[in-house]
Amino acid sequence: MENFTFNQLRYFYKLVQTLNYRQAAEELYISQPVLSKQIKALEKAIQVKLFYKTGDILN
């Protein structure tokens, strides 16, 4: 298992709150591609798929 960062956990928490990449990125003051990349890195680190994306909405 790889390491993950505190920021990745913050980003995950915000996505759980909003269930929307665009909105979460705006509220975190980061770009949507950065958010997506960090969530993918977190998923890789913990070896678990956290979200299933349908457009901009999460399931």
PDB file of N, CA and C in Angstrom:
ATOM      1  N   MET A   1       0.845  -1.181   0.000  1.00  0.00           N
ATOM      2  CA  MET A   1       0.000   0.000   0.000  1.00  0.00           C
ATOM      3  C   MET A   1       0.889   1.242   0.000  1.00  0.00           C
ATOM      4  N   GLU A   2       0.589   2.162  -0.895  1.00  0.00           N
ATOM      5  CA  GLU A   2       1.353   3.400  -0.994  1.00  0.00           C
ATOM      6  C   GLU A   2       0.860   4.407   0.045  1.00  0.00           C
ATOM      7  N   ASN A   3       1.623   5.474   0.203  1.00  0.00           N
ATOM      8  CA  ASN A   3       1.225   6.540   1.118  1.00  0.00           C
ATOM      9  C   ASN A   3       0.236   7.475   0.454  1.00  0.00           C
ATOM     10  N   PHE A   4      -0.571   8.120   1.262  1.00  0.00           N
ATOM     11  CA  PHE A   4      -1.453   9.160   0.773  1.00  0.00           C
ATOM     12  C   PHE A   4      -1.256  10.391   1.636  1.00  0.00           C
ATOM     13  N   THR A   5      -1.738  11.535   1.143  1.00  0.00           N
ATOM     14  CA  THR A   5      -1.490  12.801   1.828  1.00  0.00           C
ATOM     15  C   THR A   5      -2.738  13.300   2.543  1.00  0.00           C
ATOM     16  N   PHE A   6      -2.527  14.204   3.471  1.00  0.00           N
ATOM     17  CA  PHE A   6      -3.630  14.855   4.162  1.00  0.00           C
ATOM     18  C   PHE A   6      -4.511  15.599   3.166  1.00  0.00           C
ATOM     19  N   ASN A   7      -3.905  16.265   2.187  1.00  0.00           N
ATOM     20  CA  ASN A   7      -4.692  16.986   1.183  1.00  0.00           C
ATOM     21  C   ASN A   7      -5.594  16.042   0.408  1.00  0.00           C
ATOM     22  N   GLN A   8      -5.127  14.867   0.077  1.00  0.00           N
ATOM     23  CA  GLN A   8      -5.967  13.902  -0.632  1.00  0.00           C
ATOM     24  C   GLN A   8      -7.183  13.529   0.214  1.00  0.00           C
ATOM     25  N   LEU A   9      -6.998  13.399   1.513  1.00  0.00           N
ATOM     26  CA  LEU A   9      -8.129  13.113   2.398  1.00  0.00           C
ATOM     27  C   LEU A   9      -9.092  14.294   2.454  1.00  0.00           C
ATOM     28  N   ARG A  10      -8.566  15.512   2.478  1.00  0.00           N
ATOM     29  CA  ARG A  10      -9.407  16.716   2.445  1.00  0.00           C
ATOM     30  C   ARG A  10     -10.224  16.749   1.161  1.00  0.00           C
ATOM     31  N   TYR A  11      -9.570  16.450   0.046  1.00  0.00           N
ATOM     32  CA  TYR A  11     -10.251  16.462  -1.248  1.00  0.00           C
ATOM     33  C   TYR A  11     -11.348  15.404  -1.275  1.00  0.00           C
ATOM     34  N   PHE A  12     -11.054  14.222  -0.759  1.00  0.00           N
ATOM     35  CA  PHE A  12     -12.051  13.159  -0.692  1.00  0.00           C
ATOM     36  C   PHE A  12     -13.252  13.599   0.147  1.00  0.00           C
ATOM     37  N   TYR A  13     -12.994  14.187   1.298  1.00  0.00           N
ATOM     38  CA  TYR A  13     -14.068  14.645   2.176  1.00  0.00           C
ATOM     39  C   TYR A  13     -14.963  15.667   1.471  1.00  0.00           C
ATOM     40  N   LYS A  14     -14.343  16.592   0.745  1.00  0.00           N
ATOM     41  CA  LYS A  14     -15.127  17.610   0.027  1.00  0.00           C
ATOM     42  C   LYS A  14     -15.967  16.955  -1.069  1.00  0.00           C
ATOM     43  N   LEU A  15     -15.426  15.969  -1.758  1.00  0.00           N
ATOM     44  CA  LEU A  15     -16.204  15.254  -2.777  1.00  0.00           C
ATOM     45  C   LEU A  15     -17.378  14.515  -2.162  1.00  0.00           C
ATOM     46  N   VAL A  16     -17.185  13.943  -0.993  1.00  0.00           N
ATOM     47  CA  VAL A  16     -18.281  13.271  -0.302  1.00  0.00           C
ATOM     48  C   VAL A  16     -19.372  14.284   0.017  1.00  0.00           C
ATOM     49  N   GLN A  17     -18.985  15.476   0.421  1.00  0.00           N
ATOM     50  CA  GLN A  17     -19.965  16.511   0.760  1.00  0.00           C
ATOM     51  C   GLN A  17     -20.737  16.988  -0.467  1.00  0.00           C
ATOM     52  N   THR A  18     -20.039  17.199  -1.575  1.00  0.00           N
ATOM     53  CA  THR A  18     -20.654  17.817  -2.754  1.00  0.00           C
ATOM     54  C   THR A  18     -21.137  16.813  -3.795  1.00  0.00           C
ATOM     55  N   LEU A  19     -20.475  15.662  -3.874  1.00  0.00           N
ATOM     56  CA  LEU A  19     -20.720  14.662  -4.924  1.00  0.00           C
ATOM     57  C   LEU A  19     -20.630  15.272  -6.319  1.00  0.00           C
ATOM     58  N   ASN A  20     -19.741  16.254  -6.457  1.00  0.00           N
ATOM     59  CA  ASN A  20     -19.594  16.951  -7.725  1.00  0.00           C
ATOM     60  C   ASN A  20     -18.153  17.452  -7.840  1.00  0.00           C
ATOM     61  N   TYR A  21     -17.417  16.958  -8.849  1.00  0.00           N
ATOM     62  CA  TYR A  21     -16.013  17.349  -9.005  1.00  0.00           C
ATOM     63  C   TYR A  21     -15.847  18.847  -9.211  1.00  0.00           C
ATOM     64  N   ARG A  22     -16.671  19.425 -10.068  1.00  0.00           N
ATOM     65  CA  ARG A  22     -16.531  20.852 -10.360  1.00  0.00           C
ATOM     66  C   ARG A  22     -16.736  21.692  -9.107  1.00  0.00           C
ATOM     67  N   GLN A  23     -17.823  21.421  -8.402  1.00  0.00           N
ATOM     68  CA  GLN A  23     -18.134  22.193  -7.204  1.00  0.00           C
ATOM     69  C   GLN A  23     -17.070  21.987  -6.120  1.00  0.00           C
ATOM     70  N   ALA A  24     -16.645  20.753  -5.927  1.00  0.00           N
ATOM     71  CA  ALA A  24     -15.615  20.472  -4.921  1.00  0.00           C
ATOM     72  C   ALA A  24     -14.319  21.195  -5.253  1.00  0.00           C
ATOM     73  N   ALA A  25     -13.923  21.153  -6.515  1.00  0.00           N
ATOM     74  CA  ALA A  25     -12.689  21.843  -6.922  1.00  0.00           C
ATOM     75  C   ALA A  25     -12.798  23.344  -6.663  1.00  0.00           C
ATOM     76  N   GLU A  26     -13.925  23.931  -6.990  1.00  0.00           N
ATOM     77  CA  GLU A  26     -14.116  25.364  -6.747  1.00  0.00           C
ATOM     78  C   GLU A  26     -14.010  25.680  -5.264  1.00  0.00           C
ATOM     79  N   GLU A  27     -14.639  24.877  -4.435  1.00  0.00           N
ATOM     80  CA  GLU A  27     -14.619  25.122  -2.994  1.00  0.00           C
ATOM     81  C   GLU A  27     -13.243  24.890  -2.381  1.00  0.00           C
ATOM     82  N   LEU A  28     -12.437  24.053  -3.029  1.00  0.00           N
ATOM     83  CA  LEU A  28     -11.071  23.788  -2.563  1.00  0.00           C
ATOM     84  C   LEU A  28     -10.045  24.744  -3.181  1.00  0.00           C
ATOM     85  N   TYR A  29     -10.500  25.581  -4.116  1.00  0.00           N
ATOM     86  CA  TYR A  29      -9.627  26.533  -4.817  1.00  0.00           C
ATOM     87  C   TYR A  29      -8.518  25.827  -5.593  1.00  0.00           C
ATOM     88  N   ILE A  30      -8.904  24.707  -6.239  1.00  0.00           N
ATOM     89  CA  ILE A  30      -7.990  23.985  -7.125  1.00  0.00           C
ATOM     90  C   ILE A  30      -8.731  23.712  -8.425  1.00  0.00           C
ATOM     91  N   SER A  31      -7.993  23.286  -9.450  1.00  0.00           N
ATOM     92  CA  SER A  31      -8.644  22.966 -10.715  1.00  0.00           C
ATOM     93  C   SER A  31      -9.251  21.562 -10.648  1.00  0.00           C
ATOM     94  N   GLN A  32     -10.233  21.341 -11.498  1.00  0.00           N
ATOM     95  CA  GLN A  32     -10.886  20.031 -11.540  1.00  0.00           C
ATOM     96  C   GLN A  32      -9.909  18.924 -11.937  1.00  0.00           C
ATOM     97  N   PRO A  33      -9.016  19.153 -12.922  1.00  0.00           N
ATOM     98  CA  PRO A  33      -8.054  18.092 -13.254  1.00  0.00           C
ATOM     99  C   PRO A  33      -7.124  17.734 -12.084  1.00  0.00           C
ATOM    100  N   VAL A  34      -6.732  18.728 -11.300  1.00  0.00           N
ATOM    101  CA  VAL A  34      -5.892  18.450 -10.127  1.00  0.00           C
ATOM    102  C   VAL A  34      -6.661  17.600  -9.131  1.00  0.00           C
ATOM    103  N   LEU A  35      -7.915  17.928  -8.908  1.00  0.00           N
ATOM    104  CA  LEU A  35      -8.744  17.161  -7.988  1.00  0.00           C
ATOM    105  C   LEU A  35      -8.879  15.717  -8.472  1.00  0.00           C
ATOM    106  N   SER A  36      -9.179  15.533  -9.734  1.00  0.00           N
ATOM    107  CA  SER A  36      -9.318  14.183 -10.293  1.00  0.00           C
ATOM    108  C   SER A  36      -8.033  13.382 -10.122  1.00  0.00           C
ATOM    109  N   LYS A  37      -6.909  14.016 -10.408  1.00  0.00           N
ATOM    110  CA  LYS A  37      -5.611  13.345 -10.295  1.00  0.00           C
ATOM    111  C   LYS A  37      -5.343  12.934  -8.845  1.00  0.00           C
ATOM    112  N   GLN A  38      -5.654  13.790  -7.908  1.00  0.00           N
ATOM    113  CA  GLN A  38      -5.402  13.486  -6.503  1.00  0.00           C
ATOM    114  C   GLN A  38      -6.322  12.380  -5.982  1.00  0.00           C
ATOM    115  N   ILE A  39      -7.555  12.363  -6.441  1.00  0.00           N
ATOM    116  CA  ILE A  39      -8.470  11.291  -6.034  1.00  0.00           C
ATOM    117  C   ILE A  39      -8.008   9.961  -6.618  1.00  0.00           C
ATOM    118  N   LYS A  40      -7.549   9.964  -7.866  1.00  0.00           N
ATOM    119  CA  LYS A  40      -7.021   8.736  -8.470  1.00  0.00           C
ATOM    120  C   LYS A  40      -5.790   8.244  -7.709  1.00  0.00           C
ATOM    121  N   ALA A  41      -4.936   9.179  -7.281  1.00  0.00           N
ATOM    122  CA  ALA A  41      -3.749   8.807  -6.511  1.00  0.00           C
ATOM    123  C   ALA A  41      -4.140   8.215  -5.154  1.00  0.00           C
ATOM    124  N   LEU A  42      -5.158   8.780  -4.529  1.00  0.00           N
ATOM    125  CA  LEU A  42      -5.647   8.250  -3.261  1.00  0.00           C
ATOM    126  C   LEU A  42      -6.213   6.843  -3.458  1.00  0.00           C
ATOM    127  N   GLU A  43      -7.001   6.660  -4.506  1.00  0.00           N
ATOM    128  CA  GLU A  43      -7.556   5.337  -4.803  1.00  0.00           C
ATOM    129  C   GLU A  43      -6.447   4.310  -5.009  1.00  0.00           C
ATOM    130  N   LYS A  44      -5.401   4.720  -5.717  1.00  0.00           N
ATOM    131  CA  LYS A  44      -4.269   3.821  -5.950  1.00  0.00           C
ATOM    132  C   LYS A  44      -3.562   3.495  -4.637  1.00  0.00           C
ATOM    133  N   ALA A  45      -3.408   4.498  -3.782  1.00  0.00           N
ATOM    134  CA  ALA A  45      -2.707   4.298  -2.514  1.00  0.00           C
ATOM    135  C   ALA A  45      -3.445   3.328  -1.602  1.00  0.00           C
ATOM    136  N   ILE A  46      -4.760   3.436  -1.561  1.00  0.00           N
ATOM    137  CA  ILE A  46      -5.529   2.567  -0.659  1.00  0.00           C
ATOM    138  C   ILE A  46      -6.105   1.347  -1.377  1.00  0.00           C
ATOM    139  N   GLN A  47      -5.910   1.305  -2.688  1.00  0.00           N
ATOM    140  CA  GLN A  47      -6.331   0.178  -3.528  1.00  0.00           C
ATOM    141  C   GLN A  47      -7.836  -0.068  -3.449  1.00  0.00           C
ATOM    142  N   VAL A  48      -8.593   1.035  -3.487  1.00  0.00           N
ATOM    143  CA  VAL A  48     -10.053   0.970  -3.445  1.00  0.00           C
ATOM    144  C   VAL A  48     -10.619   2.031  -4.375  1.00  0.00           C
ATOM    145  N   LYS A  49     -11.596   1.662  -5.198  1.00  0.00           N
ATOM    146  CA  LYS A  49     -12.313   2.620  -6.039  1.00  0.00           C
ATOM    147  C   LYS A  49     -13.304   3.360  -5.151  1.00  0.00           C
ATOM    148  N   LEU A  50     -13.149   4.670  -5.017  1.00  0.00           N
ATOM    149  CA  LEU A  50     -13.967   5.449  -4.092  1.00  0.00           C
ATOM    150  C   LEU A  50     -15.253   5.974  -4.716  1.00  0.00           C
ATOM    151  N   PHE A  51     -15.199   6.328  -5.991  1.00  0.00           N
ATOM    152  CA  PHE A  51     -16.352   6.915  -6.664  1.00  0.00           C
ATOM    153  C   PHE A  51     -16.503   6.310  -8.044  1.00  0.00           C
ATOM    154  N   TYR A  52     -17.724   6.285  -8.514  1.00  0.00           N
ATOM    155  CA  TYR A  52     -18.011   5.958  -9.900  1.00  0.00           C
ATOM    156  C   TYR A  52     -18.581   7.211 -10.518  1.00  0.00           C
ATOM    157  N   LYS A  53     -17.873   7.750 -11.504  1.00  0.00           N
ATOM    158  CA  LYS A  53     -18.203   9.045 -12.076  1.00  0.00           C
ATOM    159  C   LYS A  53     -19.149   8.896 -13.273  1.00  0.00           C
ATOM    160  N   THR A  54     -20.215   9.679 -13.268  1.00  0.00           N
ATOM    161  CA  THR A  54     -21.152   9.761 -14.370  1.00  0.00           C
ATOM    162  C   THR A  54     -21.211  11.217 -14.775  1.00  0.00           C
ATOM    163  N   GLY A  55     -20.419  11.597 -15.782  1.00  0.00           N
ATOM    164  CA  GLY A  55     -20.307  13.017 -16.126  1.00  0.00           C
ATOM    165  C   GLY A  55     -19.606  13.730 -14.989  1.00  0.00           C
ATOM    166  N   ASP A  56     -20.240  14.768 -14.478  1.00  0.00           N
ATOM    167  CA  ASP A  56     -19.668  15.559 -13.396  1.00  0.00           C
ATOM    168  C   ASP A  56     -20.227  15.122 -12.039  1.00  0.00           C
ATOM    169  N   ILE A  57     -21.194  14.199 -12.052  1.00  0.00           N
ATOM    170  CA  ILE A  57     -21.878  13.764 -10.845  1.00  0.00           C
ATOM    171  C   ILE A  57     -21.269  12.426 -10.382  1.00  0.00           C
ATOM    172  N   LEU A  58     -21.166  12.248  -9.088  1.00  0.00           N
ATOM    173  CA  LEU A  58     -20.606  11.027  -8.540  1.00  0.00           C
ATOM    174  C   LEU A  58     -21.692  10.122  -8.018  1.00  0.00           C
ATOM    175  N   ASN A  59     -21.444   8.825  -8.138  1.00  0.00           N
ATOM    176  CA  ASN A  59     -22.371   7.810  -7.604  1.00  0.00           C
ATOM    177  C   ASN A  59     -21.650   6.986  -6.571  1.00  0.00           C
TER     178      ASN A  59
END
